[in-house]
Each structure stands twice: as C-alpha cells, then as structure tokens.
N, C-alpha and C. Protein backbone atom coordinates (compact mmCIF):
# COMPACT_ATOMS: atom_id res chain seq x y z
N MET A 1 4.51 80.92 4.44
CA MET A 1 5.36 81.03 2.89
C MET A 1 5.46 81.68 1.85
N GLU A 2 6.64 81.51 1.85
CA GLU A 2 7.73 82.45 1.02
C GLU A 2 7.21 82.09 -0.67
N SER A 3 7.20 83.00 -1.29
CA SER A 3 6.54 82.83 -2.75
C SER A 3 8.14 83.07 -3.81
N THR A 4 7.95 82.62 -5.13
CA THR A 4 9.44 82.16 -5.60
C THR A 4 9.85 83.11 -5.63
N ARG A 5 8.76 84.64 -5.67
CA ARG A 5 9.56 86.18 -6.57
C ARG A 5 10.26 86.22 -5.01
N GLN A 6 9.73 85.97 -3.85
CA GLN A 6 10.11 86.50 -2.51
C GLN A 6 11.68 85.85 -2.02
N GLN A 7 11.37 84.59 -2.43
CA GLN A 7 12.85 83.87 -2.41
C GLN A 7 13.85 84.37 -3.17
N LYS A 8 13.82 84.57 -4.48
CA LYS A 8 14.76 84.67 -5.51
C LYS A 8 15.15 86.44 -5.04
N ILE A 9 14.05 87.46 -4.43
CA ILE A 9 14.55 88.75 -4.21
C ILE A 9 15.66 87.85 -2.49
N SER A 10 15.42 87.48 -1.78
CA SER A 10 15.47 86.89 -0.74
C SER A 10 17.30 86.88 -1.03
N ARG A 11 17.61 85.97 -2.01
CA ARG A 11 18.73 85.26 -2.56
C ARG A 11 19.77 86.39 -2.99
N LEU A 12 19.34 87.26 -3.79
CA LEU A 12 19.75 88.04 -3.84
C LEU A 12 20.39 89.34 -3.08
N ILE A 13 18.99 89.46 -2.64
CA ILE A 13 19.80 90.51 -1.16
C ILE A 13 21.01 89.91 -0.42
N GLN A 14 20.40 88.76 -0.27
CA GLN A 14 21.56 88.27 0.69
C GLN A 14 23.05 88.14 0.52
N LYS A 15 23.10 87.92 -1.35
CA LYS A 15 24.71 87.78 -1.89
C LYS A 15 24.80 88.75 -2.07
N ASP A 16 24.20 90.49 -2.50
CA ASP A 16 24.80 91.10 -2.81
C ASP A 16 25.16 91.80 -1.63
N LEU A 17 23.96 91.73 -0.40
CA LEU A 17 24.47 92.43 1.08
C LEU A 17 25.88 91.68 1.79
N GLY A 18 26.19 90.43 0.73
CA GLY A 18 27.26 89.73 1.74
C GLY A 18 28.74 90.05 1.00
N GLU A 19 28.17 90.78 0.20
CA GLU A 19 29.46 91.42 -0.91
C GLU A 19 30.05 92.97 -0.23
N ILE A 20 28.77 93.45 0.18
CA ILE A 20 29.03 95.22 0.40
C ILE A 20 29.55 95.07 1.70
N PHE A 21 29.30 93.77 2.99
CA PHE A 21 29.77 93.54 4.00
C PHE A 21 30.90 93.68 4.06
N ARG A 22 31.44 92.76 2.87
CA ARG A 22 33.04 92.46 2.89
C ARG A 22 33.93 93.63 2.54
N LEU A 23 32.99 94.10 2.09
CA LEU A 23 34.17 95.73 1.26
C LEU A 23 33.89 97.02 2.18
N LEU A 24 32.69 96.80 3.09
CA LEU A 24 32.61 97.85 3.88
C LEU A 24 33.62 96.74 5.35
N ALA A 25 33.82 95.97 5.59
CA ALA A 25 34.61 95.86 6.97
C ALA A 25 36.14 95.92 7.17
N ARG A 26 36.11 96.06 5.89
CA ARG A 26 37.77 96.32 5.48
C ARG A 26 37.95 97.55 5.99
N ASP A 27 37.15 98.99 5.91
CA ASP A 27 37.31 100.32 6.02
C ASP A 27 36.75 100.51 7.33
N ASN A 28 35.28 100.12 7.83
CA ASN A 28 34.58 100.44 8.79
C ASN A 28 34.56 99.47 9.71
N PHE A 29 34.83 98.41 9.69
CA PHE A 29 35.31 97.60 11.18
C PHE A 29 36.16 96.43 11.01
N PRO A 30 37.17 96.51 11.23
CA PRO A 30 38.35 96.18 10.98
C PRO A 30 38.57 95.05 11.82
N GLY A 31 39.16 93.79 11.27
CA GLY A 31 39.29 93.07 12.82
C GLY A 31 37.50 91.58 13.05
N PHE A 32 37.06 92.44 12.04
CA PHE A 32 35.43 91.76 12.16
C PHE A 32 34.49 91.08 11.10
N LEU A 33 34.31 90.02 10.92
CA LEU A 33 33.90 89.62 9.72
C LEU A 33 32.07 89.69 9.90
N ILE A 34 31.76 89.33 8.94
CA ILE A 34 30.27 89.90 8.99
C ILE A 34 29.62 89.18 7.95
N THR A 35 29.25 88.16 8.01
CA THR A 35 28.47 87.22 7.28
C THR A 35 26.61 87.05 7.31
N VAL A 36 26.17 87.08 6.29
CA VAL A 36 24.64 86.88 6.46
C VAL A 36 24.33 86.15 6.06
N THR A 37 23.54 86.08 7.14
CA THR A 37 23.20 84.24 6.97
C THR A 37 21.53 84.18 6.91
N LYS A 38 20.87 84.94 6.57
CA LYS A 38 19.77 84.85 6.42
C LYS A 38 18.69 86.10 6.13
N VAL A 39 18.00 86.25 4.79
CA VAL A 39 17.09 87.20 4.28
C VAL A 39 15.84 86.54 4.43
N ASN A 40 15.22 87.86 5.39
CA ASN A 40 13.50 87.41 4.76
C ASN A 40 12.78 88.40 4.61
N ILE A 41 11.56 88.56 3.89
CA ILE A 41 11.55 89.49 2.80
C ILE A 41 10.18 89.84 2.72
N THR A 42 9.79 90.65 3.21
CA THR A 42 8.05 90.81 3.16
C THR A 42 7.40 90.94 1.75
N PRO A 43 5.87 90.15 1.71
CA PRO A 43 5.34 89.84 0.41
C PRO A 43 5.21 91.53 -0.04
N ASP A 44 4.82 92.39 0.47
CA ASP A 44 5.25 93.37 -0.13
C ASP A 44 6.76 94.08 -0.60
N LEU A 45 7.11 93.28 -0.82
CA LEU A 45 8.81 93.55 -0.45
C LEU A 45 9.42 94.73 0.21
N SER A 46 8.94 95.02 0.74
CA SER A 46 9.29 96.83 1.03
C SER A 46 9.98 96.29 2.80
N LEU A 47 10.07 95.28 2.93
CA LEU A 47 11.47 95.59 4.34
C LEU A 47 11.91 93.89 3.75
N ALA A 48 12.75 94.08 4.22
CA ALA A 48 14.08 93.03 4.53
C ALA A 48 14.62 92.91 6.02
N LYS A 49 14.80 91.62 6.06
CA LYS A 49 14.69 91.29 7.76
C LYS A 49 16.26 90.48 7.79
N VAL A 50 17.01 91.02 7.91
CA VAL A 50 18.24 90.23 7.73
C VAL A 50 19.15 89.94 8.71
N TYR A 51 19.37 88.80 8.68
CA TYR A 51 20.38 87.90 9.79
C TYR A 51 21.60 88.01 10.06
N LEU A 52 22.16 88.55 10.46
CA LEU A 52 24.17 88.73 10.30
C LEU A 52 24.42 87.91 11.86
N SER A 53 25.79 86.90 11.23
CA SER A 53 26.69 86.59 12.22
C SER A 53 27.53 87.39 12.50
N LEU A 54 28.43 88.00 13.60
CA LEU A 54 29.61 88.46 13.53
C LEU A 54 30.43 88.05 14.81
N PHE A 55 31.98 88.09 13.61
CA PHE A 55 32.81 86.97 13.97
C PHE A 55 33.91 88.16 14.26
N GLY A 56 34.79 87.95 15.69
CA GLY A 56 35.96 88.82 16.15
C GLY A 56 36.08 89.70 17.11
N ALA A 57 37.32 90.04 16.83
CA ALA A 57 37.81 90.62 19.11
C ALA A 57 36.61 91.56 19.16
N GLY A 58 36.15 91.72 20.07
CA GLY A 58 35.45 93.14 20.63
C GLY A 58 34.39 93.20 20.96
N SER A 59 33.50 93.77 20.67
CA SER A 59 31.46 93.63 21.14
C SER A 59 31.15 93.60 20.26
N LYS A 60 30.04 92.40 20.48
CA LYS A 60 29.21 92.58 19.17
C LYS A 60 28.36 93.29 19.17
N GLU A 61 28.04 94.12 20.27
CA GLU A 61 26.92 94.98 20.35
C GLU A 61 27.38 96.31 19.78
N ASP A 62 28.78 96.71 20.06
CA ASP A 62 29.26 97.52 19.40
C ASP A 62 29.17 97.47 17.95
N ILE A 63 29.50 96.98 17.09
CA ILE A 63 29.69 96.43 16.03
C ILE A 63 28.11 96.80 15.07
N PHE A 64 27.31 95.94 16.00
CA PHE A 64 25.96 96.02 15.38
C PHE A 64 25.03 97.38 15.70
N SER A 65 25.84 98.21 16.57
CA SER A 65 25.40 99.08 16.58
C SER A 65 25.87 100.53 15.55
N ARG A 66 26.86 99.92 15.49
CA ARG A 66 27.77 100.46 14.34
C ARG A 66 26.88 100.13 12.76
N ILE A 67 26.70 99.16 12.52
CA ILE A 67 26.13 98.66 11.36
C ILE A 67 24.56 99.74 10.92
N ASN A 68 24.28 99.57 12.60
CA ASN A 68 22.82 100.07 11.98
C ASN A 68 23.16 101.88 12.17
N ALA A 69 24.37 102.15 12.45
CA ALA A 69 24.53 103.65 11.70
C ALA A 69 24.74 103.73 10.59
N HIS A 70 25.13 102.57 9.73
CA HIS A 70 25.31 102.91 8.60
C HIS A 70 24.32 102.31 7.60
N LYS A 71 23.07 102.41 8.03
CA LYS A 71 22.10 101.47 7.07
C LYS A 71 21.62 102.45 6.07
N LYS A 72 21.92 103.56 6.28
CA LYS A 72 21.67 104.11 4.75
C LYS A 72 22.21 104.17 3.70
N GLU A 73 23.97 103.88 4.19
CA GLU A 73 25.26 103.98 3.51
C GLU A 73 24.72 102.52 2.93
N ILE A 74 24.80 101.22 3.78
CA ILE A 74 24.51 99.80 2.76
C ILE A 74 23.15 99.47 2.09
N ARG A 75 21.82 100.37 2.98
CA ARG A 75 21.03 100.79 1.34
C ARG A 75 21.66 101.13 0.45
N HIS A 76 21.91 102.12 0.17
CA HIS A 76 22.35 102.75 -1.05
C HIS A 76 23.37 102.07 -1.84
N GLN A 77 24.26 101.40 -1.00
CA GLN A 77 25.04 100.52 -1.81
C GLN A 77 24.56 99.13 -2.52
N LEU A 78 23.11 98.63 -1.55
CA LEU A 78 22.55 97.50 -2.04
C LEU A 78 21.69 97.92 -3.81
N ALA A 79 21.55 99.38 -3.09
CA ALA A 79 20.26 100.08 -4.24
C ALA A 79 21.05 100.00 -5.73
N LEU A 80 22.84 100.31 -5.56
CA LEU A 80 23.30 100.43 -6.82
C LEU A 80 23.61 99.62 -7.80
N ARG A 81 23.07 98.09 -6.70
CA ARG A 81 23.90 96.91 -7.16
C ARG A 81 22.27 96.10 -7.80
N VAL A 82 21.43 96.38 -7.31
CA VAL A 82 20.16 95.37 -7.74
C VAL A 82 19.29 96.58 -8.20
N GLY A 83 19.48 97.75 -8.17
CA GLY A 83 18.43 98.64 -8.97
C GLY A 83 17.74 99.10 -10.01
N LYS A 84 18.88 97.69 -11.18
CA LYS A 84 17.92 97.05 -12.27
C LYS A 84 17.17 96.02 -12.20
N GLN A 85 17.01 95.00 -11.33
CA GLN A 85 16.33 93.88 -11.14
C GLN A 85 14.98 94.55 -10.28
N MET A 86 15.38 95.55 -9.04
CA MET A 86 13.80 95.81 -7.97
C MET A 86 13.70 96.98 -8.55
N ARG A 87 12.08 97.51 -8.71
CA ARG A 87 11.49 98.68 -8.77
C ARG A 87 12.05 99.73 -7.06
N VAL A 88 11.21 98.84 -6.16
CA VAL A 88 11.47 99.42 -4.94
C VAL A 88 12.58 98.97 -4.27
N ILE A 89 13.63 99.38 -3.78
CA ILE A 89 14.80 99.12 -2.49
C ILE A 89 14.02 98.55 -1.50
N PRO A 90 14.29 97.61 -0.67
CA PRO A 90 13.48 97.33 0.66
C PRO A 90 14.01 98.03 1.82
N GLU A 91 13.36 98.38 3.19
CA GLU A 91 14.16 98.64 4.12
C GLU A 91 14.90 97.78 4.53
N LEU A 92 15.92 98.11 5.09
CA LEU A 92 16.47 97.08 5.65
C LEU A 92 16.54 96.97 7.26
N ALA A 93 16.37 95.85 7.97
CA ALA A 93 16.31 95.89 9.46
C ALA A 93 16.99 95.03 9.78
N PHE A 94 17.97 94.42 10.68
CA PHE A 94 19.02 94.19 10.77
C PHE A 94 19.28 93.69 11.95
N PHE A 95 19.61 92.11 12.11
CA PHE A 95 18.78 91.25 13.65
C PHE A 95 20.45 90.29 13.73
N ILE A 96 21.04 90.02 15.24
CA ILE A 96 22.03 89.47 15.20
C ILE A 96 21.51 87.89 15.30
N ASP A 97 22.04 86.97 14.18
CA ASP A 97 21.64 85.41 14.48
C ASP A 97 22.60 84.72 15.29
N ASP A 98 22.05 84.58 16.38
CA ASP A 98 23.12 83.82 17.77
C ASP A 98 22.75 82.22 17.23
N SER A 99 22.24 82.49 16.08
CA SER A 99 22.51 80.10 16.59
C SER A 99 23.49 79.90 16.17
N LEU A 100 24.69 80.02 15.51
CA LEU A 100 26.16 79.20 16.04
C LEU A 100 25.97 79.07 17.70
N ASP A 101 25.69 80.31 18.16
CA ASP A 101 26.50 80.23 19.55
C ASP A 101 25.16 79.48 20.18
N TYR A 102 24.37 79.26 19.81
CA TYR A 102 23.68 78.43 20.59
C TYR A 102 23.73 76.67 20.42
N ILE A 103 24.55 76.33 18.76
CA ILE A 103 24.82 75.07 18.91
C ILE A 103 26.46 75.18 19.24
N GLU A 104 26.90 76.11 19.78
CA GLU A 104 28.01 75.75 20.39
C GLU A 104 27.50 75.24 21.75
N ASN A 105 27.08 76.78 22.72
CA ASN A 105 26.56 76.07 23.98
C ASN A 105 25.96 74.04 23.61
N ILE A 106 25.11 74.24 23.30
CA ILE A 106 24.34 72.65 23.31
C ILE A 106 25.45 71.71 23.36
N ASP A 107 26.60 72.10 22.33
CA ASP A 107 27.60 70.86 22.11
C ASP A 107 28.38 70.70 23.08
N ASN A 108 28.69 72.16 24.06
CA ASN A 108 29.53 72.23 24.84
C ASN A 108 29.02 71.33 26.03
N LEU A 109 27.06 71.69 26.22
CA LEU A 109 26.69 70.87 27.24
C LEU A 109 26.54 69.06 26.93
N LEU A 110 26.88 68.91 26.03
CA LEU A 110 26.61 67.44 25.71
C LEU A 110 27.99 66.93 25.96
N LYS A 111 29.16 67.65 25.86
CA LYS A 111 30.58 66.88 25.84
C LYS A 111 30.81 66.90 27.38
N SER A 112 29.88 68.14 27.74
CA SER A 112 30.11 67.74 29.56
C SER A 112 29.31 66.98 30.50
C-alpha cells in the first residue's frame, strides 16, 4: 500500500517524465510516441519504476534500448524539474507496459 507521499511523488514524476519524453522524442526518437503510463516509487523514494507505452513504426526493443541509453540524461532533466520539491532524485528503472497489446489481443479473441 502506497503512502500519500509516494502517490504524490509518483504523479509528479509521471507528469514531468511525460513532458521530458515529449521533448526528447522530437530529437532522439522521431516517429515514436512515448507515454508514461504508471510510476511506482519505493517507500524510501530511492527507486522509481516507470512503465512506458511505445507507439510508432519500428522496433519497440530498439527504442527501449535507446531510452535506457539516455537514462542519465532523462534523470538529469527530471532533477532540473523536481529538484526544489525533492531532496533526492530517485533512480529510474524503465519497463515496457504491454497492457494495451494484451487488451487488444483479448478483444481480437472475443471478436473471432
């Protein structure tokens, strides 16, 4: 069960990372839309698990590996945005959120 503080920090990180990915996608990930679907943060606020939905033409694994390669830059941009509100900026761990693919698969199975 997440505390109120964890929930507030999760929402703050989700909002700011969404904006960061929107700006980064223009230069580093052309043709892709990256959406932050969920952020879970540990009770000590040291690790944030960030779930991403990737939309676009091309390999999701390639884009995901490029996102992980830019992890330091993304964390730095996050620190510039939330540095006044948080004492320590959490480490970021990215995961692909495949729930939309799962829902689409179930929908296709129900139609057939």
